[in-house]
Each structure stands twice: as C-alpha cells, then as structure tokens.
Amino acid sequence: MKRYLLIATLCLAVPAYGQQAASDHSGHSPAPAKAKAQSALADGEVRKVDRDAKKITLRHGPIPSLDMPPMTMVYQVKDPVLLDRVKVGDKVKFDAEKVGSNYAITRIESAK
C-alpha cells in the first residue's frame, strides 16, 4: 500500500514541478529596446537643396539599414540646420530613418 501511495505522489508531484519550471513569464516586463545601433552612413551626392520646404534631393547608393536600392530621392530633414552644411554637387555621407510613410535625413556630412 505504501508503494502505491509513493508512486501516486510522485506521479502528481513530477508534472506539477515541470509545470512550474515552464512558466510563460507573463509577469515579466519586456526588455528595454536597445538604442539604435550606429549604422554605416550611406554615400550620396546632393542634387537639390530646398531650405523653405526643409527638403534635400540626394542621388545615393544602397542604404542597407532601410533596405533601399540606389536611387535619386527627395528627403525631409529632421533638423533644418543640416541643410546649411551642404550645397548642390557635394559628395556626402548620410543617415536616414523612416518616419511614417516618408524618410528623413537625420545626419549628413561631407564625404571628404
């Protein structure tokens, strides 16, 4: 009789122990998002600068961070001061990000 009681106890205890170990972690908060990794800057050439509209037209190579092929495209600039650093014909390195359904230049510098 003691043997059956021991086996029954083990049969109930082992699955309960396993269930506790396989918790779904629903009480845990998600890990904080990591800061945007420093991505490689894309190469481009300034084709047009529109300070009034806060836009710049760039002919650029591929932008891997945005999965974008080479093209000529008009971008908004996140900070209008960025437009003071460039002029038509300049070779530049830049970073862009998707903002809603558009793209915005977040950093631009001379390619040197």
PDB file of N, CA and C in Angstrom:
ATOM      1  N   MET A   1       0.812  -1.190   0.000  1.00  0.00           N
ATOM      2  CA  MET A   1       0.000   0.000   0.000  1.00  0.00           C
ATOM      3  C   MET A   1       0.858   1.258   0.000  1.00  0.00           C
ATOM      4  N   LYS A   2       1.938   1.230   0.804  1.00  0.00           N
ATOM      5  CA  LYS A   2       2.818   2.384   0.855  1.00  0.00           C
ATOM      6  C   LYS A   2       3.468   2.628  -0.509  1.00  0.00           C
ATOM      7  N   ARG A   3       3.764   1.544  -1.208  1.00  0.00           N
ATOM      8  CA  ARG A   3       4.382   1.666  -2.517  1.00  0.00           C
ATOM      9  C   ARG A   3       3.445   2.394  -3.486  1.00  0.00           C
ATOM     10  N   TYR A   4       2.156   2.048  -3.507  1.00  0.00           N
ATOM     11  CA  TYR A   4       1.182   2.693  -4.381  1.00  0.00           C
ATOM     12  C   TYR A   4       1.006   4.163  -4.013  1.00  0.00           C
ATOM     13  N   LEU A   5       1.023   4.453  -2.738  1.00  0.00           N
ATOM     14  CA  LEU A   5       0.903   5.831  -2.278  1.00  0.00           C
ATOM     15  C   LEU A   5       2.123   6.647  -2.732  1.00  0.00           C
ATOM     16  N   LEU A   6       3.306   6.064  -2.644  1.00  0.00           N
ATOM     17  CA  LEU A   6       4.529   6.735  -3.079  1.00  0.00           C
ATOM     18  C   LEU A   6       4.499   6.978  -4.591  1.00  0.00           C
ATOM     19  N   ILE A   7       4.085   5.988  -5.364  1.00  0.00           N
ATOM     20  CA  ILE A   7       4.011   6.126  -6.823  1.00  0.00           C
ATOM     21  C   ILE A   7       2.982   7.182  -7.202  1.00  0.00           C
ATOM     22  N   ALA A   8       1.834   7.191  -6.559  1.00  0.00           N
ATOM     23  CA  ALA A   8       0.796   8.182  -6.832  1.00  0.00           C
ATOM     24  C   ALA A   8       1.292   9.592  -6.507  1.00  0.00           C
ATOM     25  N   THR A   9       1.996   9.731  -5.405  1.00  0.00           N
ATOM     26  CA  THR A   9       2.532  11.037  -5.013  1.00  0.00           C
ATOM     27  C   THR A   9       3.545  11.529  -6.042  1.00  0.00           C
ATOM     28  N   LEU A  10       4.426  10.639  -6.482  1.00  0.00           N
ATOM     29  CA  LEU A  10       5.413  11.016  -7.490  1.00  0.00           C
ATOM     30  C   LEU A  10       4.751  11.377  -8.820  1.00  0.00           C
ATOM     31  N   CYS A  11       3.722  10.625  -9.188  1.00  0.00           N
ATOM     32  CA  CYS A  11       3.020  10.898 -10.446  1.00  0.00           C
ATOM     33  C   CYS A  11       2.358  12.273 -10.427  1.00  0.00           C
ATOM     34  N   LEU A  12       1.935  12.724  -9.286  1.00  0.00           N
ATOM     35  CA  LEU A  12       1.318  14.041  -9.175  1.00  0.00           C
ATOM     36  C   LEU A  12       2.358  15.149  -8.996  1.00  0.00           C
ATOM     37  N   ALA A  13       3.432  14.865  -8.303  1.00  0.00           N
ATOM     38  CA  ALA A  13       4.425  15.887  -7.988  1.00  0.00           C
ATOM     39  C   ALA A  13       5.310  16.235  -9.185  1.00  0.00           C
ATOM     40  N   VAL A  14       5.735  15.249  -9.941  1.00  0.00           N
ATOM     41  CA  VAL A  14       6.659  15.496 -11.050  1.00  0.00           C
ATOM     42  C   VAL A  14       6.041  16.415 -12.109  1.00  0.00           C
ATOM     43  N   PRO A  15       4.813  16.175 -12.603  1.00  0.00           N
ATOM     44  CA  PRO A  15       4.237  17.105 -13.586  1.00  0.00           C
ATOM     45  C   PRO A  15       4.027  18.515 -13.011  1.00  0.00           C
ATOM     46  N   ALA A  16       3.676  18.607 -11.744  1.00  0.00           N
ATOM     47  CA  ALA A  16       3.484  19.920 -11.131  1.00  0.00           C
ATOM     48  C   ALA A  16       4.807  20.678 -11.084  1.00  0.00           C
ATOM     49  N   TYR A  17       5.887  19.983 -10.781  1.00  0.00           N
ATOM     50  CA  TYR A  17       7.207  20.606 -10.756  1.00  0.00           C
ATOM     51  C   TYR A  17       7.592  21.081 -12.165  1.00  0.00           C
ATOM     52  N   GLY A  18       7.349  20.258 -13.166  1.00  0.00           N
ATOM     53  CA  GLY A  18       7.651  20.618 -14.548  1.00  0.00           C
ATOM     54  C   GLY A  18       6.807  21.788 -15.020  1.00  0.00           C
ATOM     55  N   GLN A  19       5.566  21.852 -14.615  1.00  0.00           N
ATOM     56  CA  GLN A  19       4.678  22.946 -14.997  1.00  0.00           C
ATOM     57  C   GLN A  19       5.197  24.266 -14.445  1.00  0.00           C
ATOM     58  N   GLN A  20       5.655  24.253 -13.236  1.00  0.00           N
ATOM     59  CA  GLN A  20       6.168  25.469 -12.618  1.00  0.00           C
ATOM     60  C   GLN A  20       7.430  25.941 -13.334  1.00  0.00           C
ATOM     61  N   ALA A  21       8.263  25.035 -13.782  1.00  0.00           N
ATOM     62  CA  ALA A  21       9.501  25.398 -14.460  1.00  0.00           C
ATOM     63  C   ALA A  21       9.241  25.957 -15.854  1.00  0.00           C
ATOM     64  N   ALA A  22       8.133  25.604 -16.468  1.00  0.00           N
ATOM     65  CA  ALA A  22       7.813  26.064 -17.816  1.00  0.00           C
ATOM     66  C   ALA A  22       6.890  27.272 -17.779  1.00  0.00           C
ATOM     67  N   SER A  23       7.123  28.167 -16.878  1.00  0.00           N
ATOM     68  CA  SER A  23       6.303  29.367 -16.730  1.00  0.00           C
ATOM     69  C   SER A  23       6.308  30.184 -18.021  1.00  0.00           C
ATOM     70  N   ASP A  24       5.214  30.894 -18.293  1.00  0.00           N
ATOM     71  CA  ASP A  24       5.128  31.700 -19.510  1.00  0.00           C
ATOM     72  C   ASP A  24       5.713  33.101 -19.338  1.00  0.00           C
ATOM     73  N   HIS A  25       6.194  33.423 -18.178  1.00  0.00           N
ATOM     74  CA  HIS A  25       6.839  34.706 -17.899  1.00  0.00           C
ATOM     75  C   HIS A  25       5.914  35.900 -18.140  1.00  0.00           C
ATOM     76  N   SER A  26       4.628  35.706 -18.013  1.00  0.00           N
ATOM     77  CA  SER A  26       3.694  36.799 -18.262  1.00  0.00           C
ATOM     78  C   SER A  26       3.816  37.921 -17.244  1.00  0.00           C
ATOM     79  N   GLY A  27       4.385  37.639 -16.101  1.00  0.00           N
ATOM     80  CA  GLY A  27       4.553  38.679 -15.100  1.00  0.00           C
ATOM     81  C   GLY A  27       5.776  39.542 -15.324  1.00  0.00           C
ATOM     82  N   HIS A  28       6.617  39.168 -16.267  1.00  0.00           N
ATOM     83  CA  HIS A  28       7.837  39.919 -16.533  1.00  0.00           C
ATOM     84  C   HIS A  28       7.560  41.019 -17.542  1.00  0.00           C
ATOM     85  N   SER A  29       8.224  42.137 -17.385  1.00  0.00           N
ATOM     86  CA  SER A  29       8.107  43.192 -18.388  1.00  0.00           C
ATOM     87  C   SER A  29       9.127  42.921 -19.490  1.00  0.00           C
ATOM     88  N   PRO A  30       8.868  43.408 -20.704  1.00  0.00           N
ATOM     89  CA  PRO A  30       9.811  43.158 -21.794  1.00  0.00           C
ATOM     90  C   PRO A  30      11.130  43.888 -21.557  1.00  0.00           C
ATOM     91  N   ALA A  31      12.166  43.377 -22.164  1.00  0.00           N
ATOM     92  CA  ALA A  31      13.476  44.018 -22.057  1.00  0.00           C
ATOM     93  C   ALA A  31      13.415  45.379 -22.733  1.00  0.00           C
ATOM     94  N   PRO A  32      14.120  46.358 -22.210  1.00  0.00           N
ATOM     95  CA  PRO A  32      14.100  47.677 -22.844  1.00  0.00           C
ATOM     96  C   PRO A  32      14.696  47.608 -24.242  1.00  0.00           C
ATOM     97  N   ALA A  33      14.149  48.430 -25.134  1.00  0.00           N
ATOM     98  CA  ALA A  33      14.655  48.458 -26.503  1.00  0.00           C
ATOM     99  C   ALA A  33      16.073  49.000 -26.501  1.00  0.00           C
ATOM    100  N   LYS A  34      16.909  48.394 -27.303  1.00  0.00           N
ATOM    101  CA  LYS A  34      18.291  48.849 -27.393  1.00  0.00           C
ATOM    102  C   LYS A  34      18.340  50.125 -28.223  1.00  0.00           C
ATOM    103  N   ALA A  35      19.269  50.964 -27.908  1.00  0.00           N
ATOM    104  CA  ALA A  35      19.458  52.180 -28.691  1.00  0.00           C
ATOM    105  C   ALA A  35      19.815  51.788 -30.115  1.00  0.00           C
ATOM    106  N   LYS A  36      19.425  52.620 -31.052  1.00  0.00           N
ATOM    107  CA  LYS A  36      19.705  52.335 -32.451  1.00  0.00           C
ATOM    108  C   LYS A  36      21.205  52.157 -32.637  1.00  0.00           C
ATOM    109  N   ALA A  37      21.554  51.028 -33.194  1.00  0.00           N
ATOM    110  CA  ALA A  37      22.970  50.745 -33.418  1.00  0.00           C
ATOM    111  C   ALA A  37      23.522  51.745 -34.429  1.00  0.00           C
ATOM    112  N   GLN A  38      24.759  52.095 -34.230  1.00  0.00           N
ATOM    113  CA  GLN A  38      25.405  53.012 -35.163  1.00  0.00           C
ATOM    114  C   GLN A  38      25.497  52.313 -36.514  1.00  0.00           C
ATOM    115  N   SER A  39      24.726  52.781 -37.471  1.00  0.00           N
ATOM    116  CA  SER A  39      24.733  52.148 -38.781  1.00  0.00           C
ATOM    117  C   SER A  39      25.762  52.837 -39.668  1.00  0.00           C
ATOM    118  N   ALA A  40      26.179  52.134 -40.680  1.00  0.00           N
ATOM    119  CA  ALA A  40      27.113  52.714 -41.641  1.00  0.00           C
ATOM    120  C   ALA A  40      26.392  53.808 -42.411  1.00  0.00           C
ATOM    121  N   LEU A  41      27.080  54.901 -42.634  1.00  0.00           N
ATOM    122  CA  LEU A  41      26.482  56.005 -43.373  1.00  0.00           C
ATOM    123  C   LEU A  41      26.434  55.654 -44.857  1.00  0.00           C
ATOM    124  N   ALA A  42      25.382  56.101 -45.521  1.00  0.00           N
ATOM    125  CA  ALA A  42      25.230  55.876 -46.957  1.00  0.00           C
ATOM    126  C   ALA A  42      25.962  56.978 -47.719  1.00  0.00           C
ATOM    127  N   ASP A  43      26.413  56.654 -48.924  1.00  0.00           N
ATOM    128  CA  ASP A  43      27.078  57.630 -49.788  1.00  0.00           C
ATOM    129  C   ASP A  43      26.053  58.271 -50.703  1.00  0.00           C
ATOM    130  N   GLY A  44      26.228  59.564 -50.961  1.00  0.00           N
ATOM    131  CA  GLY A  44      25.311  60.242 -51.855  1.00  0.00           C
ATOM    132  C   GLY A  44      25.904  61.507 -52.439  1.00  0.00           C
ATOM    133  N   GLU A  45      25.136  62.110 -53.340  1.00  0.00           N
ATOM    134  CA  GLU A  45      25.507  63.383 -53.947  1.00  0.00           C
ATOM    135  C   GLU A  45      24.296  64.299 -53.872  1.00  0.00           C
ATOM    136  N   VAL A  46      24.517  65.525 -53.425  1.00  0.00           N
ATOM    137  CA  VAL A  46      23.430  66.498 -53.298  1.00  0.00           C
ATOM    138  C   VAL A  46      23.041  66.979 -54.687  1.00  0.00           C
ATOM    139  N   ARG A  47      21.766  66.832 -55.030  1.00  0.00           N
ATOM    140  CA  ARG A  47      21.255  67.276 -56.326  1.00  0.00           C
ATOM    141  C   ARG A  47      20.459  68.570 -56.204  1.00  0.00           C
ATOM    142  N   LYS A  48      19.804  68.769 -55.051  1.00  0.00           N
ATOM    143  CA  LYS A  48      18.993  69.976 -54.849  1.00  0.00           C
ATOM    144  C   LYS A  48      18.816  70.188 -53.352  1.00  0.00           C
ATOM    145  N   VAL A  49      18.795  71.454 -52.936  1.00  0.00           N
ATOM    146  CA  VAL A  49      18.536  71.814 -51.544  1.00  0.00           C
ATOM    147  C   VAL A  49      17.375  72.799 -51.542  1.00  0.00           C
ATOM    148  N   ASP A  50      16.310  72.480 -50.810  1.00  0.00           N
ATOM    149  CA  ASP A  50      15.138  73.358 -50.693  1.00  0.00           C
ATOM    150  C   ASP A  50      14.957  73.716 -49.221  1.00  0.00           C
ATOM    151  N   ARG A  51      15.590  74.824 -48.825  1.00  0.00           N
ATOM    152  CA  ARG A  51      15.553  75.224 -47.417  1.00  0.00           C
ATOM    153  C   ARG A  51      14.146  75.596 -46.957  1.00  0.00           C
ATOM    154  N   ASP A  52      13.358  76.227 -47.830  1.00  0.00           N
ATOM    155  CA  ASP A  52      11.995  76.624 -47.444  1.00  0.00           C
ATOM    156  C   ASP A  52      11.126  75.417 -47.111  1.00  0.00           C
ATOM    157  N   ALA A  53      11.253  74.356 -47.902  1.00  0.00           N
ATOM    158  CA  ALA A  53      10.448  73.149 -47.681  1.00  0.00           C
ATOM    159  C   ALA A  53      11.138  72.165 -46.739  1.00  0.00           C
ATOM    160  N   LYS A  54      12.373  72.477 -46.330  1.00  0.00           N
ATOM    161  CA  LYS A  54      13.159  71.599 -45.448  1.00  0.00           C
ATOM    162  C   LYS A  54      13.365  70.226 -46.086  1.00  0.00           C
ATOM    163  N   LYS A  55      13.757  70.267 -47.387  1.00  0.00           N
ATOM    164  CA  LYS A  55      13.958  69.030 -48.141  1.00  0.00           C
ATOM    165  C   LYS A  55      15.289  69.070 -48.867  1.00  0.00           C
ATOM    166  N   ILE A  56      15.795  67.874 -49.157  1.00  0.00           N
ATOM    167  CA  ILE A  56      17.029  67.730 -49.919  1.00  0.00           C
ATOM    168  C   ILE A  56      16.850  66.572 -50.899  1.00  0.00           C
ATOM    169  N   THR A  57      17.359  66.757 -52.107  1.00  0.00           N
ATOM    170  CA  THR A  57      17.332  65.688 -53.102  1.00  0.00           C
ATOM    171  C   THR A  57      18.733  65.092 -53.170  1.00  0.00           C
ATOM    172  N   LEU A  58      18.803  63.783 -52.973  1.00  0.00           N
ATOM    173  CA  LEU A  58      20.080  63.075 -52.985  1.00  0.00           C
ATOM    174  C   LEU A  58      20.062  61.957 -54.012  1.00  0.00           C
ATOM    175  N   ARG A  59      21.157  61.833 -54.742  1.00  0.00           N
ATOM    176  CA  ARG A  59      21.404  60.648 -55.568  1.00  0.00           C
ATOM    177  C   ARG A  59      22.324  59.786 -54.720  1.00  0.00           C
ATOM    178  N   HIS A  60      21.877  58.597 -54.372  1.00  0.00           N
ATOM    179  CA  HIS A  60      22.628  57.803 -53.403  1.00  0.00           C
ATOM    180  C   HIS A  60      22.785  56.352 -53.815  1.00  0.00           C
ATOM    181  N   GLY A  61      23.733  55.709 -53.146  1.00  0.00           N
ATOM    182  CA  GLY A  61      23.944  54.277 -53.296  1.00  0.00           C
ATOM    183  C   GLY A  61      22.956  53.534 -52.422  1.00  0.00           C
ATOM    184  N   PRO A  62      23.135  52.232 -52.276  1.00  0.00           N
ATOM    185  CA  PRO A  62      22.220  51.446 -51.447  1.00  0.00           C
ATOM    186  C   PRO A  62      22.274  51.894 -49.982  1.00  0.00           C
ATOM    187  N   ILE A  63      21.128  51.792 -49.320  1.00  0.00           N
ATOM    188  CA  ILE A  63      21.038  52.093 -47.888  1.00  0.00           C
ATOM    189  C   ILE A  63      20.576  50.808 -47.202  1.00  0.00           C
ATOM    190  N   PRO A  64      21.516  49.970 -46.753  1.00  0.00           N
ATOM    191  CA  PRO A  64      21.164  48.671 -46.172  1.00  0.00           C
ATOM    192  C   PRO A  64      20.232  48.771 -44.964  1.00  0.00           C
ATOM    193  N   SER A  65      20.410  49.793 -44.130  1.00  0.00           N
ATOM    194  CA  SER A  65      19.580  49.903 -42.927  1.00  0.00           C
ATOM    195  C   SER A  65      18.111  50.123 -43.265  1.00  0.00           C
ATOM    196  N   LEU A  66      17.829  50.646 -44.458  1.00  0.00           N
ATOM    197  CA  LEU A  66      16.445  50.866 -44.893  1.00  0.00           C
ATOM    198  C   LEU A  66      16.044  49.896 -45.996  1.00  0.00           C
ATOM    199  N   ASP A  67      16.935  48.969 -46.347  1.00  0.00           N
ATOM    200  CA  ASP A  67      16.697  48.016 -47.431  1.00  0.00           C
ATOM    201  C   ASP A  67      16.308  48.763 -48.709  1.00  0.00           C
ATOM    202  N   MET A  68      17.072  49.815 -49.022  1.00  0.00           N
ATOM    203  CA  MET A  68      16.760  50.685 -50.152  1.00  0.00           C
ATOM    204  C   MET A  68      17.862  50.582 -51.208  1.00  0.00           C
ATOM    205  N   PRO A  69      17.487  50.376 -52.468  1.00  0.00           N
ATOM    206  CA  PRO A  69      18.485  50.310 -53.537  1.00  0.00           C
ATOM    207  C   PRO A  69      18.967  51.719 -53.915  1.00  0.00           C
ATOM    208  N   PRO A  70      20.001  51.809 -54.754  1.00  0.00           N
ATOM    209  CA  PRO A  70      20.458  53.119 -55.221  1.00  0.00           C
ATOM    210  C   PRO A  70      19.352  53.835 -55.993  1.00  0.00           C
ATOM    211  N   MET A  71      19.249  55.140 -55.798  1.00  0.00           N
ATOM    212  CA  MET A  71      18.240  55.937 -56.496  1.00  0.00           C
ATOM    213  C   MET A  71      18.476  57.410 -56.227  1.00  0.00           C
ATOM    214  N   THR A  72      17.693  58.249 -56.874  1.00  0.00           N
ATOM    215  CA  THR A  72      17.649  59.675 -56.570  1.00  0.00           C
ATOM    216  C   THR A  72      16.308  59.918 -55.905  1.00  0.00           C
ATOM    217  N   MET A  73      16.342  60.591 -54.761  1.00  0.00           N
ATOM    218  CA  MET A  73      15.124  60.717 -53.957  1.00  0.00           C
ATOM    219  C   MET A  73      15.129  62.029 -53.178  1.00  0.00           C
ATOM    220  N   VAL A  74      13.937  62.553 -52.939  1.00  0.00           N
ATOM    221  CA  VAL A  74      13.758  63.748 -52.111  1.00  0.00           C
ATOM    222  C   VAL A  74      13.499  63.297 -50.682  1.00  0.00           C
ATOM    223  N   TYR A  75      14.230  63.880 -49.747  1.00  0.00           N
ATOM    224  CA  TYR A  75      14.097  63.558 -48.326  1.00  0.00           C
ATOM    225  C   TYR A  75      13.734  64.806 -47.535  1.00  0.00           C
ATOM    226  N   GLN A  76      12.950  64.614 -46.492  1.00  0.00           N
ATOM    227  CA  GLN A  76      12.788  65.641 -45.468  1.00  0.00           C
ATOM    228  C   GLN A  76      14.067  65.633 -44.646  1.00  0.00           C
ATOM    229  N   VAL A  77      14.334  66.701 -43.916  1.00  0.00           N
ATOM    230  CA  VAL A  77      15.444  66.692 -42.968  1.00  0.00           C
ATOM    231  C   VAL A  77      14.868  66.853 -41.575  1.00  0.00           C
ATOM    232  N   LYS A  78      15.404  66.100 -40.643  1.00  0.00           N
ATOM    233  CA  LYS A  78      14.903  66.150 -39.277  1.00  0.00           C
ATOM    234  C   LYS A  78      15.213  67.496 -38.631  1.00  0.00           C
ATOM    235  N   ASP A  79      16.372  68.061 -38.968  1.00  0.00           N
ATOM    236  CA  ASP A  79      16.783  69.355 -38.434  1.00  0.00           C
ATOM    237  C   ASP A  79      17.197  70.237 -39.611  1.00  0.00           C
ATOM    238  N   PRO A  80      16.489  71.352 -39.853  1.00  0.00           N
ATOM    239  CA  PRO A  80      16.804  72.215 -40.999  1.00  0.00           C
ATOM    240  C   PRO A  80      18.249  72.723 -41.018  1.00  0.00           C
ATOM    241  N   VAL A  81      18.914  72.759 -39.881  1.00  0.00           N
ATOM    242  CA  VAL A  81      20.316  73.190 -39.817  1.00  0.00           C
ATOM    243  C   VAL A  81      21.198  72.280 -40.672  1.00  0.00           C
ATOM    244  N   LEU A  82      20.791  71.028 -40.854  1.00  0.00           N
ATOM    245  CA  LEU A  82      21.566  70.098 -41.682  1.00  0.00           C
ATOM    246  C   LEU A  82      21.747  70.631 -43.102  1.00  0.00           C
ATOM    247  N   LEU A  83      20.768  71.374 -43.595  1.00  0.00           N
ATOM    248  CA  LEU A  83      20.835  71.889 -44.963  1.00  0.00           C
ATOM    249  C   LEU A  83      21.899  72.967 -45.124  1.00  0.00           C
ATOM    250  N   ASP A  84      22.279  73.623 -44.031  1.00  0.00           N
ATOM    251  CA  ASP A  84      23.312  74.660 -44.092  1.00  0.00           C
ATOM    252  C   ASP A  84      24.701  74.068 -44.303  1.00  0.00           C
ATOM    253  N   ARG A  85      24.845  72.777 -44.107  1.00  0.00           N
ATOM    254  CA  ARG A  85      26.153  72.120 -44.203  1.00  0.00           C
ATOM    255  C   ARG A  85      26.494  71.650 -45.612  1.00  0.00           C
ATOM    256  N   VAL A  86      25.528  71.716 -46.537  1.00  0.00           N
ATOM    257  CA  VAL A  86      25.744  71.141 -47.867  1.00  0.00           C
ATOM    258  C   VAL A  86      25.296  72.089 -48.967  1.00  0.00           C
ATOM    259  N   LYS A  87      25.799  71.816 -50.177  1.00  0.00           N
ATOM    260  CA  LYS A  87      25.356  72.556 -51.360  1.00  0.00           C
ATOM    261  C   LYS A  87      25.274  71.576 -52.536  1.00  0.00           C
ATOM    262  N   VAL A  88      24.598  71.982 -53.579  1.00  0.00           N
ATOM    263  CA  VAL A  88      24.434  71.136 -54.761  1.00  0.00           C
ATOM    264  C   VAL A  88      25.808  70.713 -55.280  1.00  0.00           C
ATOM    265  N   GLY A  89      25.941  69.436 -55.583  1.00  0.00           N
ATOM    266  CA  GLY A  89      27.182  68.874 -56.105  1.00  0.00           C
ATOM    267  C   GLY A  89      28.072  68.245 -55.048  1.00  0.00           C
ATOM    268  N   ASP A  90      27.818  68.528 -53.770  1.00  0.00           N
ATOM    269  CA  ASP A  90      28.632  67.949 -52.695  1.00  0.00           C
ATOM    270  C   ASP A  90      28.465  66.437 -52.637  1.00  0.00           C
ATOM    271  N   LYS A  91      29.576  65.745 -52.434  1.00  0.00           N
ATOM    272  CA  LYS A  91      29.546  64.309 -52.125  1.00  0.00           C
ATOM    273  C   LYS A  91      29.383  64.221 -50.615  1.00  0.00           C
ATOM    274  N   VAL A  92      28.409  63.426 -50.165  1.00  0.00           N
ATOM    275  CA  VAL A  92      28.091  63.372 -48.738  1.00  0.00           C
ATOM    276  C   VAL A  92      27.960  61.940 -48.243  1.00  0.00           C
ATOM    277  N   LYS A  93      28.018  61.819 -46.945  1.00  0.00           N
ATOM    278  CA  LYS A  93      27.661  60.587 -46.238  1.00  0.00           C
ATOM    279  C   LYS A  93      26.498  60.982 -45.355  1.00  0.00           C
ATOM    280  N   PHE A  94      25.477  60.107 -45.294  1.00  0.00           N
ATOM    281  CA  PHE A  94      24.285  60.483 -44.539  1.00  0.00           C
ATOM    282  C   PHE A  94      23.619  59.268 -43.916  1.00  0.00           C
ATOM    283  N   ASP A  95      22.737  59.570 -42.984  1.00  0.00           N
ATOM    284  CA  ASP A  95      21.914  58.540 -42.350  1.00  0.00           C
ATOM    285  C   ASP A  95      20.474  59.007 -42.455  1.00  0.00           C
ATOM    286  N   ALA A  96      19.576  58.070 -42.675  1.00  0.00           N
ATOM    287  CA  ALA A  96      18.156  58.391 -42.801  1.00  0.00           C
ATOM    288  C   ALA A  96      17.353  57.376 -42.009  1.00  0.00           C
ATOM    289  N   GLU A  97      16.131  57.760 -41.684  1.00  0.00           N
ATOM    290  CA  GLU A  97      15.229  56.837 -40.993  1.00  0.00           C
ATOM    291  C   GLU A  97      13.829  57.008 -41.556  1.00  0.00           C
ATOM    292  N   LYS A  98      13.038  55.965 -41.400  1.00  0.00           N
ATOM    293  CA  LYS A  98      11.650  56.002 -41.854  1.00  0.00           C
ATOM    294  C   LYS A  98      10.826  56.729 -40.801  1.00  0.00           C
ATOM    295  N   VAL A  99      10.063  57.721 -41.246  1.00  0.00           N
ATOM    296  CA  VAL A  99       9.189  58.489 -40.361  1.00  0.00           C
ATOM    297  C   VAL A  99       7.796  58.424 -40.978  1.00  0.00           C
ATOM    298  N   GLY A 100       6.944  57.579 -40.410  1.00  0.00           N
ATOM    299  CA  GLY A 100       5.626  57.366 -41.005  1.00  0.00           C
ATOM    300  C   GLY A 100       5.799  56.690 -42.352  1.00  0.00           C
ATOM    301  N   SER A 101       5.262  57.305 -43.400  1.00  0.00           N
ATOM    302  CA  SER A 101       5.403  56.730 -44.741  1.00  0.00           C
ATOM    303  C   SER A 101       6.519  57.423 -45.531  1.00  0.00           C
ATOM    304  N   ASN A 102       7.255  58.322 -44.886  1.00  0.00           N
ATOM    305  CA  ASN A 102       8.335  59.062 -45.536  1.00  0.00           C
ATOM    306  C   ASN A 102       9.678  58.704 -44.925  1.00  0.00           C
ATOM    307  N   TYR A 103      10.716  59.292 -45.488  1.00  0.00           N
ATOM    308  CA  TYR A 103      12.069  59.115 -44.971  1.00  0.00           C
ATOM    309  C   TYR A 103      12.642  60.482 -44.641  1.00  0.00           C
ATOM    310  N   ALA A 104      13.439  60.533 -43.579  1.00  0.00           N
ATOM    311  CA  ALA A 104      14.041  61.795 -43.159  1.00  0.00           C
ATOM    312  C   ALA A 104      15.535  61.607 -42.936  1.00  0.00           C
ATOM    313  N   ILE A 105      16.300  62.609 -43.347  1.00  0.00           N
ATOM    314  CA  ILE A 105      17.737  62.624 -43.105  1.00  0.00           C
ATOM    315  C   ILE A 105      17.955  63.024 -41.651  1.00  0.00           C
ATOM    316  N   THR A 106      18.715  62.219 -40.931  1.00  0.00           N
ATOM    317  CA  THR A 106      18.986  62.503 -39.523  1.00  0.00           C
ATOM    318  C   THR A 106      20.415  62.981 -39.304  1.00  0.00           C
ATOM    319  N   ARG A 107      21.279  62.740 -40.296  1.00  0.00           N
ATOM    320  CA  ARG A 107      22.684  63.131 -40.183  1.00  0.00           C
ATOM    321  C   ARG A 107      23.238  63.254 -41.595  1.00  0.00           C
ATOM    322  N   ILE A 108      24.036  64.267 -41.822  1.00  0.00           N
ATOM    323  CA  ILE A 108      24.680  64.425 -43.128  1.00  0.00           C
ATOM    324  C   ILE A 108      26.016  65.127 -42.913  1.00  0.00           C
ATOM    325  N   GLU A 109      27.028  64.671 -43.646  1.00  0.00           N
ATOM    326  CA  GLU A 109      28.358  65.268 -43.531  1.00  0.00           C
ATOM    327  C   GLU A 109      29.081  65.130 -44.861  1.00  0.00           C
ATOM    328  N   SER A 110      30.093  65.954 -45.054  1.00  0.00           N
ATOM    329  CA  SER A 110      30.896  65.905 -46.264  1.00  0.00           C
ATOM    330  C   SER A 110      31.600  64.553 -46.355  1.00  0.00           C
ATOM    331  N   ALA A 111      31.685  64.012 -47.574  1.00  0.00           N
ATOM    332  CA  ALA A 111      32.315  62.699 -47.760  1.00  0.00           C
ATOM    333  C   ALA A 111      33.832  62.778 -47.675  1.00  0.00           C
ATOM    334  N   LYS A 112      34.433  63.947 -47.822  1.00  0.00           N
ATOM    335  CA  LYS A 112      35.891  64.174 -47.736  1.00  0.00           C
ATOM    336  C   LYS A 112      36.626  63.357 -48.754  1.00  0.00           C
TER     337      LYS A 112
END
